[in-house]
Amino acid sequence: MSATTPSAPPAWRELLGREHLGAAIVLAGGVLVGAINIYLAASLLPTAVSELGGTSFYAWNMTVYLVAMVIATMLTGRFLSRWGNVGAYLFGFATFTVGSLVCAVSPAMAVLLVSRGVQGLGAGLLSGLGFAVIRSALPARLWTRGTALMSAMYGVGNFAGPAIGGLFAQFGSWRLAFAAMAVIGAVCGAMVPRVLPRSERSSGRVPIPAGSLLLLTAAAGAVSVAGVVAGTSAKAAGIGMALLLAAGFVVHERRSALRVFPRTTYQRGSSLKWVYLTLGLLSFGVAVESFLPLFGQRLAGLPPLVAGFFAAAISLGWSVTQIGSSSVSGDRAVHRLRVLGPALLALGLLVQGLLQRENTPILLVIVWVPVLFAAGAGIGLAYPHLSVAAMSSTQDPEEGGRAAAGIATVTSLSIAFGTAVAGALVNMAGASMLDAARHVLFGIAIICGLGALTAYAANRTSRDGQTPFPSGQ
């Protein structure tokens, strides 16, 4: 880990004090609006479909949004180089706001889908900018706190998105929900010039890694389609195609002069690739939240609202735990948390799978909450420290910004992959909801458990004295 990493994080009151509060609001707010909107529309669509029609396009709202997010996160470094911190953030909030406004006034489902894509572009850019701009918006000693605050927004968004959407849908006001998102985006955008430092802009044309973007966008599209098509074989084919495209992306990146991720990600002896893999495997576990309400309703007879809040226990554990986790300092303690996080996530999902029963008694349902909270806590323990490891991997501003923006790309893509894999596991169970719950929870637990191995590999590389970037490269 680079010498720029602070040895002991300062108190939260320094991050949220007068000097840095505005920047913290903009950075965290950009991540939050994107996270909320991942699931906001899912709660609103039943009401919207009854007014607009277009039932056949129902499932595509999530696909369009997630693919657009992934594309935008990959372009974060180019926006920063071309327009600087302030210009890139203004563009991100403006794009998100326009997309939200068009969602609010959409006369047909096709228009709603296009505007969801515009929303996703703005949200993805804001998510990538949050992790990239923190290097210049906050002093190095506040990176751990700032990263914890931003990554907690994913958990808050996963909790708040369905709740906010459900509340507006309950009163038949789905358009007002999107209008409210537009207002939030506009307010945060208005703060940008006053609270963020201006950075240098490139005077020349910034090259775009078209080959890498095409391959990774195709992979995101394939896995998103796998999440909405019917049938196990179709889902498996989509996931298989996505994996092949992702492998092609890695091969292309290793050979190309223009890349999405920093060059040293692909070098032997680099810990950055292990850091990214661990972040991805942690994010992969979030996918189970999309299916936990279904299991709660079918296996325990929970009302939809109650089942939704039970499912949100993972996000709550993720968000709350990061507050304490970001206070941990010292290489040995941080390295332990990196390994403990994915292990705890996998263990929590495994135990939750063992607790599934037909006609689950209420006492057992109550036990679900601390188990799911513990699973989410695994993400919170490791995610901020892994994020800082990526951000502090170099003193080169351009490469450091690219490494930081990669956090959002990995997170968004992993959530999309996880959702598609979970959908395939549900289909494999046939008509049995109990088997579906166990397939999803056990399968995702095994995959997330691999994160303990990748985290160990990252720690070992760090202890061997290897850094992801030689200084000044």
Protein backbone atom coordinates (compact mmCIF):
# COMPACT_ATOMS: atom_id res chain seq x y z
CA MET A 1 0.00 0.00 0.00
CA SER A 2 1.23 3.46 -0.82
CA ALA A 3 2.75 5.77 1.73
CA THR A 4 -0.08 8.22 1.03
CA THR A 5 -2.46 6.04 3.00
CA PRO A 6 -3.16 7.56 6.44
CA SER A 7 -2.02 5.53 9.44
CA ALA A 8 -5.04 6.35 11.61
CA PRO A 9 -8.36 7.71 10.33
CA PRO A 10 -9.45 10.93 12.06
CA ALA A 11 -12.81 11.46 13.72
CA TRP A 12 -16.00 11.62 11.67
CA ARG A 13 -16.55 15.20 12.80
CA GLU A 14 -13.59 16.28 10.67
CA LEU A 15 -15.15 14.84 7.49
CA LEU A 16 -18.56 16.25 8.37
CA GLY A 17 -17.26 19.58 9.65
CA ARG A 18 -17.58 22.91 7.88
CA GLU A 19 -14.45 22.52 5.73
CA HIS A 20 -15.34 19.20 4.08
CA LEU A 21 -19.13 18.79 4.57
CA GLY A 22 -20.08 20.22 1.17
CA ALA A 23 -17.69 17.93 -0.69
CA ALA A 24 -18.86 14.94 1.36
CA ILE A 25 -22.50 15.68 0.47
CA VAL A 26 -21.76 15.92 -3.25
CA LEU A 27 -19.57 12.78 -3.34
CA ALA A 28 -21.96 10.68 -1.26
CA GLY A 29 -25.07 12.18 -2.85
CA GLY A 30 -23.93 11.23 -6.34
CA VAL A 31 -23.43 7.60 -5.30
CA LEU A 32 -26.71 7.57 -3.35
CA VAL A 33 -29.01 8.75 -6.15
CA GLY A 34 -27.57 6.12 -8.45
CA ALA A 35 -27.99 3.35 -5.86
CA ILE A 36 -31.55 4.37 -5.01
CA ASN A 37 -32.59 4.33 -8.64
CA ILE A 38 -31.39 0.77 -9.18
CA TYR A 39 -34.42 -0.49 -7.26
CA LEU A 40 -36.69 2.57 -7.22
CA ALA A 41 -38.30 1.78 -10.56
CA ALA A 42 -38.90 -1.85 -9.57
CA SER A 43 -41.37 -0.63 -6.94
CA LEU A 44 -42.94 1.93 -9.28
CA LEU A 45 -43.30 -0.14 -12.45
CA PRO A 46 -46.48 -2.04 -11.57
CA THR A 47 -48.25 1.30 -11.17
CA ALA A 48 -46.55 2.80 -14.23
CA VAL A 49 -47.45 -0.19 -16.42
CA SER A 50 -51.12 0.13 -15.50
CA GLU A 51 -51.01 3.69 -16.89
CA LEU A 52 -48.53 3.41 -19.77
CA GLY A 53 -48.89 -0.19 -20.88
CA GLY A 54 -45.84 -1.99 -22.28
CA THR A 55 -45.92 -5.02 -19.99
CA SER A 56 -43.60 -6.92 -22.35
CA PHE A 57 -40.83 -4.40 -21.59
CA TYR A 58 -41.32 -4.62 -17.82
CA ALA A 59 -38.11 -6.46 -17.00
CA TRP A 60 -35.92 -4.26 -19.19
CA ASN A 61 -35.98 -1.23 -16.89
CA MET A 62 -33.26 -2.75 -14.69
CA THR A 63 -31.28 -4.05 -17.68
CA VAL A 64 -31.15 -0.69 -19.47
CA TYR A 65 -30.26 1.17 -16.30
CA LEU A 66 -27.46 -1.18 -15.19
CA VAL A 67 -25.85 -1.41 -18.63
CA ALA A 68 -25.88 2.40 -18.91
CA MET A 69 -24.31 2.65 -15.45
CA VAL A 70 -21.49 0.27 -16.35
CA ILE A 71 -20.76 2.18 -19.58
CA ALA A 72 -20.61 5.51 -17.77
CA THR A 73 -18.34 4.29 -14.96
CA MET A 74 -15.83 3.17 -17.59
CA LEU A 75 -15.77 6.68 -19.07
CA THR A 76 -15.18 8.47 -15.77
CA GLY A 77 -11.46 9.03 -16.32
CA ARG A 78 -12.07 10.50 -19.75
CA PHE A 79 -14.65 12.97 -18.42
CA LEU A 80 -12.25 14.04 -15.68
CA SER A 81 -9.37 14.54 -18.10
CA ARG A 82 -11.50 16.52 -20.53
CA TRP A 83 -13.66 18.63 -18.18
CA GLY A 84 -12.04 18.44 -14.73
CA ASN A 85 -13.73 17.72 -11.41
CA VAL A 86 -16.36 20.44 -11.55
CA GLY A 87 -17.27 20.07 -15.22
CA ALA A 88 -17.55 16.27 -15.03
CA TYR A 89 -19.73 16.44 -11.93
CA LEU A 90 -21.98 19.10 -13.44
CA PHE A 91 -22.44 16.93 -16.53
CA GLY A 92 -23.21 13.88 -14.39
CA PHE A 93 -25.84 15.60 -12.26
CA ALA A 94 -27.34 17.35 -15.32
CA THR A 95 -27.65 14.05 -17.19
CA PHE A 96 -29.22 12.33 -14.19
CA THR A 97 -31.63 15.23 -13.64
CA VAL A 98 -32.74 15.34 -17.28
CA GLY A 99 -33.24 11.58 -17.33
CA SER A 100 -35.32 11.75 -14.14
CA LEU A 101 -37.48 14.57 -15.49
CA VAL A 102 -38.18 12.66 -18.72
CA CYS A 103 -39.07 9.60 -16.63
CA ALA A 104 -41.55 11.74 -14.73
CA VAL A 105 -43.34 12.93 -17.89
CA SER A 106 -42.98 9.77 -20.02
CA PRO A 107 -46.09 9.22 -22.18
CA ALA A 108 -45.19 5.62 -23.10
CA MET A 109 -43.09 2.71 -21.83
CA ALA A 110 -40.58 3.12 -24.67
CA VAL A 111 -39.88 6.70 -23.57
CA LEU A 112 -39.55 5.56 -19.96
CA LEU A 113 -36.96 2.96 -20.95
CA VAL A 114 -34.89 5.48 -22.92
CA SER A 115 -35.01 7.97 -20.04
CA ARG A 116 -33.98 5.21 -17.63
CA GLY A 117 -30.93 4.74 -19.83
CA VAL A 118 -30.14 8.46 -19.58
CA GLN A 119 -30.60 8.23 -15.82
CA GLY A 120 -28.20 5.29 -15.74
CA LEU A 121 -25.54 7.18 -17.68
CA GLY A 122 -25.69 10.05 -15.21
CA ALA A 123 -25.80 7.74 -12.19
CA GLY A 124 -22.87 5.64 -13.41
CA LEU A 125 -20.75 8.72 -14.04
CA LEU A 126 -21.57 10.08 -10.58
CA SER A 127 -20.68 6.75 -8.95
CA GLY A 128 -17.34 6.61 -10.73
CA LEU A 129 -16.59 10.26 -10.00
CA GLY A 130 -17.24 9.79 -6.29
CA PHE A 131 -14.34 7.37 -5.89
CA ALA A 132 -12.10 9.19 -8.38
CA VAL A 133 -12.55 12.77 -7.15
CA ILE A 134 -12.13 11.91 -3.47
CA ARG A 135 -8.36 11.94 -4.08
CA SER A 136 -8.43 15.69 -4.76
CA ALA A 137 -11.57 16.71 -2.83
CA LEU A 138 -10.39 15.35 0.52
CA PRO A 139 -6.98 15.08 2.23
CA ALA A 140 -5.44 11.60 2.29
CA ARG A 141 -6.16 11.17 6.00
CA LEU A 142 -9.91 11.32 5.22
CA TRP A 143 -9.93 8.83 2.36
CA THR A 144 -10.98 5.89 4.54
CA ARG A 145 -13.82 7.88 6.13
CA GLY A 146 -14.92 9.32 2.79
CA THR A 147 -14.81 5.95 1.08
CA ALA A 148 -16.80 4.37 3.92
CA LEU A 149 -19.43 7.10 3.60
CA MET A 150 -19.74 6.67 -0.17
CA SER A 151 -19.76 2.88 -0.21
CA ALA A 152 -22.36 2.93 2.57
CA MET A 153 -24.58 4.78 0.13
CA TYR A 154 -24.92 1.59 -1.91
CA GLY A 155 -26.39 -0.09 1.15
CA VAL A 156 -28.61 2.88 1.97
CA GLY A 157 -29.77 3.03 -1.64
CA ASN A 158 -30.66 -0.66 -1.70
CA PHE A 159 -32.73 -0.07 1.45
CA ALA A 160 -34.27 3.26 0.49
CA GLY A 161 -34.97 2.59 -3.20
CA PRO A 162 -37.74 0.00 -2.72
CA ALA A 163 -39.14 1.88 0.29
CA ILE A 164 -39.36 5.24 -1.48
CA GLY A 165 -40.71 3.67 -4.65
CA GLY A 166 -43.28 1.67 -2.72
CA LEU A 167 -44.41 4.76 -0.81
CA PHE A 168 -45.02 6.79 -3.97
CA ALA A 169 -46.63 3.81 -5.72
CA GLN A 170 -48.95 3.29 -2.75
CA PHE A 171 -50.51 6.68 -3.50
CA GLY A 172 -50.39 6.23 -7.28
CA SER A 173 -47.78 9.00 -7.67
CA TRP A 174 -45.00 7.19 -9.52
CA ARG A 175 -44.20 10.28 -11.59
CA LEU A 176 -43.57 12.34 -8.46
CA ALA A 177 -40.92 9.82 -7.35
CA PHE A 178 -38.86 10.52 -10.47
CA ALA A 179 -39.50 14.25 -10.11
CA ALA A 180 -38.16 14.09 -6.55
CA MET A 181 -34.99 12.40 -7.84
CA ALA A 182 -34.62 15.22 -10.37
CA VAL A 183 -34.87 17.82 -7.60
CA ILE A 184 -32.20 16.04 -5.53
CA GLY A 185 -29.92 15.85 -8.57
CA ALA A 186 -30.39 19.55 -9.33
CA VAL A 187 -29.70 20.61 -5.73
CA CYS A 188 -26.51 18.54 -5.53
CA GLY A 189 -25.42 19.85 -8.92
CA ALA A 190 -25.88 23.45 -7.78
CA MET A 191 -23.47 22.77 -4.88
CA VAL A 192 -20.67 21.44 -7.09
CA PRO A 193 -18.92 24.71 -8.13
CA ARG A 194 -18.85 25.91 -4.51
CA VAL A 195 -17.57 22.81 -2.74
CA LEU A 196 -15.31 20.88 -5.13
CA PRO A 197 -11.77 21.91 -6.07
CA ARG A 198 -11.17 22.62 -9.72
CA SER A 199 -8.68 20.35 -11.43
CA GLU A 200 -6.61 20.73 -14.57
CA ARG A 201 -8.23 19.76 -17.85
CA SER A 202 -6.56 18.19 -20.83
CA SER A 203 -6.28 20.61 -23.75
CA GLY A 204 -6.12 17.84 -26.33
CA ARG A 205 -8.59 15.21 -27.39
CA VAL A 206 -8.80 12.45 -24.80
CA PRO A 207 -8.63 8.99 -26.44
CA ILE A 208 -11.36 6.49 -25.60
CA PRO A 209 -10.55 2.76 -25.20
CA ALA A 210 -13.22 1.77 -27.71
CA GLY A 211 -12.28 -1.92 -27.84
CA SER A 212 -12.37 -2.34 -24.07
CA LEU A 213 -15.62 -0.39 -23.79
CA LEU A 214 -17.28 -2.48 -26.50
CA LEU A 215 -16.26 -5.81 -24.93
CA LEU A 216 -17.22 -4.90 -21.37
CA THR A 217 -20.49 -3.26 -22.48
CA ALA A 218 -21.35 -6.40 -24.44
CA ALA A 219 -20.56 -8.49 -21.34
CA ALA A 220 -22.79 -6.26 -19.19
CA GLY A 221 -25.53 -6.49 -21.79
CA ALA A 222 -25.28 -10.28 -22.01
CA VAL A 223 -25.47 -10.78 -18.27
CA SER A 224 -28.34 -8.31 -17.97
CA VAL A 225 -30.28 -10.13 -20.70
CA ALA A 226 -29.56 -13.39 -18.86
CA GLY A 227 -31.27 -11.86 -15.86
CA VAL A 228 -34.55 -11.26 -17.70
CA VAL A 229 -34.90 -14.17 -20.15
CA ALA A 230 -36.91 -17.22 -19.14
CA GLY A 231 -35.48 -20.71 -18.78
CA THR A 232 -32.33 -22.06 -17.17
CA SER A 233 -30.61 -22.88 -20.46
CA ALA A 234 -31.18 -19.37 -21.82
CA LYS A 235 -29.87 -17.81 -18.62
CA ALA A 236 -26.84 -20.12 -18.60
CA ALA A 237 -26.13 -19.23 -22.23
CA GLY A 238 -26.28 -15.52 -21.42
CA ILE A 239 -23.97 -15.89 -18.43
CA GLY A 240 -21.56 -18.05 -20.44
CA MET A 241 -21.44 -15.47 -23.22
CA ALA A 242 -20.83 -12.74 -20.66
CA LEU A 243 -17.91 -14.66 -19.16
CA LEU A 244 -16.37 -15.17 -22.59
CA LEU A 245 -16.72 -11.47 -23.37
CA ALA A 246 -15.23 -10.57 -19.97
CA ALA A 247 -12.27 -12.86 -20.68
CA GLY A 248 -11.87 -11.20 -24.07
CA PHE A 249 -11.92 -7.83 -22.31
CA VAL A 250 -9.04 -8.86 -20.03
CA VAL A 251 -6.98 -10.18 -22.95
CA HIS A 252 -7.58 -6.99 -24.92
CA GLU A 253 -6.73 -4.75 -21.95
CA ARG A 254 -3.44 -6.55 -21.35
CA ARG A 255 -2.35 -5.90 -24.93
CA SER A 256 -3.86 -2.48 -25.60
CA ALA A 257 -2.29 0.91 -25.01
CA LEU A 258 -5.74 2.35 -24.15
CA ARG A 259 -7.36 0.79 -21.10
CA VAL A 260 -10.32 1.14 -18.75
CA PHE A 261 -8.35 -0.07 -15.71
CA PRO A 262 -4.81 1.01 -14.76
CA ARG A 263 -2.00 -0.73 -16.64
CA THR A 264 -0.57 -2.38 -13.54
CA THR A 265 -3.83 -4.21 -12.88
CA TYR A 266 -2.60 -6.76 -15.40
CA GLN A 267 1.04 -6.94 -14.36
CA ARG A 268 2.51 -9.85 -12.46
CA GLY A 269 3.09 -9.07 -8.80
CA SER A 270 0.34 -6.44 -8.71
CA SER A 271 -2.11 -6.58 -5.81
CA LEU A 272 -4.62 -4.33 -7.57
CA LYS A 273 -6.20 -7.17 -9.57
CA TRP A 274 -6.80 -9.09 -6.32
CA VAL A 275 -8.28 -5.98 -4.72
CA TYR A 276 -10.71 -5.55 -7.63
CA LEU A 277 -11.65 -9.25 -7.58
CA THR A 278 -12.40 -9.09 -3.86
CA LEU A 279 -14.51 -5.97 -4.30
CA GLY A 280 -16.38 -7.71 -7.09
CA LEU A 281 -17.06 -10.83 -5.04
CA LEU A 282 -18.34 -8.72 -2.13
CA SER A 283 -20.67 -6.84 -4.48
CA PHE A 284 -21.79 -10.14 -6.01
CA GLY A 285 -23.45 -11.03 -2.70
CA VAL A 286 -25.76 -8.01 -2.88
CA ALA A 287 -27.68 -9.80 -5.67
CA VAL A 288 -29.53 -12.01 -3.18
CA GLU A 289 -31.48 -8.95 -1.99
CA SER A 290 -33.49 -9.02 -5.21
CA PHE A 291 -34.85 -12.47 -4.32
CA LEU A 292 -35.10 -12.42 -0.53
CA PRO A 293 -38.54 -10.68 -0.56
CA LEU A 294 -39.84 -13.48 -2.80
CA PHE A 295 -38.53 -16.14 -0.43
CA GLY A 296 -39.97 -14.31 2.58
CA GLN A 297 -43.41 -14.07 1.02
CA ARG A 298 -43.58 -17.63 -0.32
CA LEU A 299 -41.88 -19.53 2.52
CA ALA A 300 -42.90 -17.49 5.56
CA GLY A 301 -46.11 -15.82 4.35
CA LEU A 302 -44.76 -12.33 5.04
CA PRO A 303 -46.61 -9.30 3.63
CA PRO A 304 -44.67 -7.65 0.75
CA LEU A 305 -43.63 -4.59 2.78
CA VAL A 306 -42.37 -6.68 5.71
CA ALA A 307 -40.56 -9.08 3.38
CA GLY A 308 -38.84 -6.12 1.74
CA PHE A 309 -37.56 -4.80 5.04
CA PHE A 310 -36.26 -8.25 6.01
CA ALA A 311 -34.32 -8.38 2.75
CA ALA A 312 -32.88 -4.92 3.44
CA ALA A 313 -31.10 -6.29 6.53
CA ILE A 314 -28.08 -7.03 4.31
CA SER A 315 -27.85 -3.41 3.18
CA LEU A 316 -28.37 -2.21 6.74
CA GLY A 317 -25.51 -4.41 7.97
CA TRP A 318 -23.31 -3.16 5.14
CA SER A 319 -23.99 0.51 5.87
CA VAL A 320 -23.81 0.41 9.66
CA THR A 321 -20.67 -1.74 9.88
CA GLN A 322 -18.66 0.58 7.67
CA ILE A 323 -18.98 3.33 10.26
CA GLY A 324 -16.95 1.30 12.72
CA SER A 325 -14.78 -0.48 10.18
CA SER A 326 -13.41 2.80 8.84
CA SER A 327 -11.93 3.51 12.30
CA VAL A 328 -9.60 0.50 12.07
CA SER A 329 -6.00 1.29 11.21
CA GLY A 330 -2.74 -0.60 11.01
CA ASP A 331 -1.74 -2.94 8.21
CA ARG A 332 -2.25 -6.14 10.19
CA ALA A 333 -5.77 -5.24 11.34
CA VAL A 334 -6.79 -3.97 7.92
CA HIS A 335 -5.48 -7.11 6.22
CA ARG A 336 -7.52 -9.25 8.61
CA LEU A 337 -10.70 -7.31 7.85
CA ARG A 338 -10.17 -7.75 4.11
CA VAL A 339 -10.20 -11.53 4.54
CA LEU A 340 -12.84 -11.62 7.29
CA GLY A 341 -15.33 -9.57 5.25
CA PRO A 342 -16.01 -12.01 2.37
CA ALA A 343 -15.75 -14.97 4.77
CA LEU A 344 -18.45 -13.48 7.02
CA LEU A 345 -20.63 -12.64 4.00
CA ALA A 346 -20.38 -16.22 2.74
CA LEU A 347 -21.05 -17.67 6.20
CA GLY A 348 -24.12 -15.48 6.70
CA LEU A 349 -25.61 -16.52 3.35
CA LEU A 350 -24.82 -20.16 4.07
CA VAL A 351 -26.56 -20.03 7.47
CA GLN A 352 -29.52 -18.21 5.92
CA GLY A 353 -29.84 -21.04 3.42
CA LEU A 354 -29.84 -23.61 6.23
CA LEU A 355 -32.65 -21.67 7.97
CA GLN A 356 -35.03 -21.87 5.00
CA ARG A 357 -38.16 -23.93 5.66
CA GLU A 358 -41.58 -24.44 4.14
CA ASN A 359 -44.11 -22.50 6.24
CA THR A 360 -41.29 -20.99 8.29
CA PRO A 361 -42.37 -20.33 11.91
CA ILE A 362 -42.24 -16.73 13.10
CA LEU A 363 -39.46 -17.40 15.63
CA LEU A 364 -37.20 -18.69 12.87
CA VAL A 365 -38.12 -15.73 10.66
CA ILE A 366 -36.95 -13.40 13.44
CA VAL A 367 -33.57 -15.15 13.41
CA TRP A 368 -33.23 -14.23 9.73
CA VAL A 369 -32.63 -10.57 10.60
CA PRO A 370 -29.36 -10.88 12.58
CA VAL A 371 -28.08 -13.52 10.14
CA LEU A 372 -28.68 -11.29 7.12
CA PHE A 373 -27.32 -8.30 9.03
CA ALA A 374 -24.12 -10.27 9.73
CA ALA A 375 -23.82 -11.17 6.05
CA GLY A 376 -24.08 -7.49 5.12
CA ALA A 377 -21.60 -6.63 7.86
CA GLY A 378 -19.06 -8.72 5.98
CA ILE A 379 -19.26 -6.27 3.09
CA GLY A 380 -18.96 -3.30 5.43
CA LEU A 381 -15.88 -4.70 7.17
CA ALA A 382 -13.81 -5.05 4.00
CA TYR A 383 -15.21 -2.71 1.33
CA PRO A 384 -13.81 0.66 2.55
CA HIS A 385 -10.33 -0.72 3.13
CA LEU A 386 -10.24 -2.41 -0.26
CA SER A 387 -11.42 0.83 -1.87
CA VAL A 388 -8.66 2.82 -0.19
CA ALA A 389 -6.13 0.19 -1.29
CA ALA A 390 -7.14 0.86 -4.89
CA MET A 391 -7.19 4.65 -4.51
CA SER A 392 -3.86 4.90 -2.71
CA SER A 393 -2.06 2.53 -5.05
CA THR A 394 -0.20 5.29 -6.88
CA GLN A 395 0.83 8.91 -6.60
CA ASP A 396 0.19 9.47 -10.31
CA PRO A 397 -3.06 11.53 -10.46
CA GLU A 398 -4.30 10.15 -13.79
CA GLU A 399 -3.61 6.51 -12.97
CA GLY A 400 -4.89 6.99 -9.43
CA GLY A 401 -8.15 8.45 -10.72
CA ARG A 402 -8.53 5.51 -13.11
CA ALA A 403 -7.87 3.04 -10.28
CA ALA A 404 -10.47 4.77 -8.09
CA ALA A 405 -13.10 4.95 -10.86
CA GLY A 406 -12.59 1.23 -11.42
CA ILE A 407 -14.20 0.60 -8.01
CA ALA A 408 -17.59 1.75 -9.29
CA THR A 409 -17.19 -0.19 -12.56
CA VAL A 410 -16.40 -3.40 -10.70
CA THR A 411 -19.26 -2.87 -8.23
CA SER A 412 -21.93 -2.15 -10.86
CA LEU A 413 -20.84 -5.02 -13.11
CA SER A 414 -20.68 -7.49 -10.21
CA ILE A 415 -24.20 -6.63 -9.04
CA ALA A 416 -25.46 -7.22 -12.58
CA PHE A 417 -23.59 -10.55 -12.81
CA GLY A 418 -24.83 -11.62 -9.40
CA THR A 419 -28.45 -10.86 -10.23
CA ALA A 420 -28.27 -12.91 -13.44
CA VAL A 421 -26.59 -15.86 -11.70
CA ALA A 422 -29.16 -15.77 -8.89
CA GLY A 423 -31.95 -15.80 -11.48
CA ALA A 424 -30.44 -18.86 -13.16
CA LEU A 425 -30.18 -20.62 -9.78
CA VAL A 426 -33.87 -19.91 -9.10
CA ASN A 427 -34.82 -21.44 -12.45
CA MET A 428 -32.75 -24.54 -11.74
CA ALA A 429 -34.94 -25.30 -8.73
CA GLY A 430 -38.06 -25.79 -10.82
CA ALA A 431 -41.36 -25.31 -8.99
CA SER A 432 -39.97 -25.68 -5.46
CA MET A 433 -39.51 -22.29 -3.78
CA LEU A 434 -37.57 -23.93 -0.92
CA ASP A 435 -35.10 -25.42 -3.38
CA ALA A 436 -34.87 -22.05 -5.16
CA ALA A 437 -34.00 -20.27 -1.90
CA ARG A 438 -31.35 -22.83 -1.02
CA HIS A 439 -29.84 -22.83 -4.51
CA VAL A 440 -29.49 -19.05 -4.50
CA LEU A 441 -28.17 -18.71 -0.95
CA PHE A 442 -25.77 -21.66 -1.09
CA GLY A 443 -24.60 -20.85 -4.63
CA ILE A 444 -23.93 -17.17 -3.96
CA ALA A 445 -22.29 -18.07 -0.62
CA ILE A 446 -19.78 -20.33 -2.37
CA ILE A 447 -18.95 -17.66 -4.94
CA CYS A 448 -18.58 -14.91 -2.32
CA GLY A 449 -16.42 -17.17 -0.18
CA LEU A 450 -13.79 -17.08 -2.92
CA GLY A 451 -13.30 -13.44 -1.90
CA ALA A 452 -11.41 -14.59 1.20
CA LEU A 453 -8.86 -16.23 -1.09
CA THR A 454 -8.48 -13.19 -3.35
CA ALA A 455 -8.19 -10.95 -0.29
CA TYR A 456 -5.46 -13.20 1.09
CA ALA A 457 -3.65 -12.94 -2.24
CA ALA A 458 -3.88 -9.13 -2.11
CA ASN A 459 -2.51 -9.11 1.44
CA ARG A 460 0.33 -11.46 0.56
CA THR A 461 1.36 -9.29 -2.38
CA SER A 462 1.36 -6.21 -0.14
CA ARG A 463 3.47 -7.95 2.49
CA ASP A 464 5.96 -8.98 -0.17
CA GLY A 465 6.56 -5.29 -0.78
CA GLN A 466 4.84 -5.13 -4.17
CA THR A 467 2.75 -2.08 -4.90
CA PRO A 468 0.21 -1.90 -7.74
CA PHE A 469 2.03 1.09 -9.25
CA PRO A 470 5.65 2.04 -9.07
CA SER A 471 5.90 5.62 -7.94
CA GLY A 472 5.67 8.09 -10.75
CA GLN A 473 4.60 5.56 -13.36
